[in-house]
């Protein structure tokens, strides 16, 4: 029985390390090198402080809208 259980446990541990540690670290490293702004959330800075993200919100230019949310205005929230 141990001869059947040991390969299963070893496979489980090896795949856990690969998929749970090595792969996420590799993807994060590539993203930080290739796309640093996007990998960190596409933040908008005002006076050295993060005030929002370019990925959240949208500008409202059409007069039919009363006004947009504060987080949905360009270029700063």
Protein backbone atom coordinates (compact mmCIF):
# COMPACT_ATOMS: atom_id res chain seq x y z
CA UNK A 1 0.00 0.00 0.00
CA UNK A 2 2.84 2.41 0.79
CA UNK A 3 4.28 1.79 -2.67
CA UNK A 4 1.04 3.16 -4.16
CA UNK A 5 0.56 6.00 -1.71
CA UNK A 6 4.06 7.47 -1.86
CA UNK A 7 4.01 8.45 -5.59
CA UNK A 8 0.61 10.07 -5.10
CA UNK A 9 1.82 12.16 -2.16
CA UNK A 10 5.05 13.13 -3.92
CA UNK A 11 3.13 14.11 -7.06
CA UNK A 12 0.70 16.14 -4.97
CA UNK A 13 3.51 18.02 -3.23
CA UNK A 14 5.49 18.65 -6.42
CA UNK A 15 2.45 19.92 -8.31
CA UNK A 16 1.42 22.06 -5.33
CA UNK A 17 4.83 23.75 -5.32
CA UNK A 18 4.78 24.25 -9.09
CA UNK A 19 1.22 25.54 -9.43
CA UNK A 20 0.98 27.29 -6.06
CA UNK A 21 4.39 28.93 -5.82
CA UNK A 22 6.60 28.78 -8.90
CA UNK A 23 4.04 29.62 -11.59
CA UNK A 24 2.48 32.61 -9.74
CA UNK A 25 5.93 34.00 -8.93
CA UNK A 26 7.05 33.63 -12.56
CA UNK A 27 3.92 35.31 -13.92
CA UNK A 28 4.23 38.15 -11.41
CA UNK A 29 7.91 38.67 -12.27
CA UNK A 30 7.21 38.78 -16.02
CA UNK A 31 4.31 41.19 -15.50
CA UNK A 32 6.39 43.52 -13.32
CA UNK A 33 9.18 43.62 -15.91
CA UNK A 34 7.05 43.82 -19.07
CA UNK A 35 4.06 45.88 -17.84
CA UNK A 36 4.92 47.56 -14.51
CA UNK A 37 2.13 50.16 -14.50
CA UNK A 38 -0.60 47.71 -15.47
CA UNK A 39 0.68 45.02 -13.11
CA UNK A 40 0.35 47.46 -10.23
CA UNK A 41 -3.23 48.44 -11.03
CA UNK A 42 -2.83 51.36 -13.50
CA UNK A 43 -2.92 53.83 -10.62
CA UNK A 44 -3.49 57.56 -11.02
CA UNK A 45 -1.30 59.72 -8.79
CA UNK A 46 -2.00 63.26 -7.66
CA UNK A 47 0.56 65.07 -5.50
CA UNK A 48 2.45 61.80 -5.00
CA UNK A 49 -0.60 59.99 -3.62
CA UNK A 50 -2.61 57.28 -5.39
CA UNK A 51 -6.10 58.67 -5.96
CA UNK A 52 -7.64 56.15 -8.34
CA UNK A 53 -7.16 53.78 -11.23
CA UNK A 54 -7.54 54.28 -14.97
CA UNK A 55 -9.39 50.96 -15.08
CA UNK A 56 -12.31 52.19 -12.95
CA UNK A 57 -14.90 54.73 -14.02
CA UNK A 58 -15.57 56.59 -17.24
CA UNK A 59 -16.06 60.23 -18.23
CA UNK A 60 -19.60 61.55 -18.74
CA UNK A 61 -19.63 64.09 -21.59
CA UNK A 62 -23.24 63.70 -22.73
CA UNK A 63 -25.52 66.45 -21.32
CA UNK A 64 -28.30 63.92 -20.63
CA UNK A 65 -26.37 62.75 -17.58
CA UNK A 66 -26.79 64.77 -14.40
CA UNK A 67 -23.22 64.10 -13.29
CA UNK A 68 -20.97 61.10 -13.01
CA UNK A 69 -19.69 59.51 -9.87
CA UNK A 70 -16.57 61.13 -8.47
CA UNK A 71 -14.64 57.98 -9.28
CA UNK A 72 -15.80 58.14 -12.90
CA UNK A 73 -14.37 61.45 -14.04
CA UNK A 74 -11.25 62.09 -16.10
CA UNK A 75 -8.36 62.50 -15.61
CA UNK A 76 -8.52 62.40 -11.81
CA UNK A 77 -11.29 61.17 -9.54
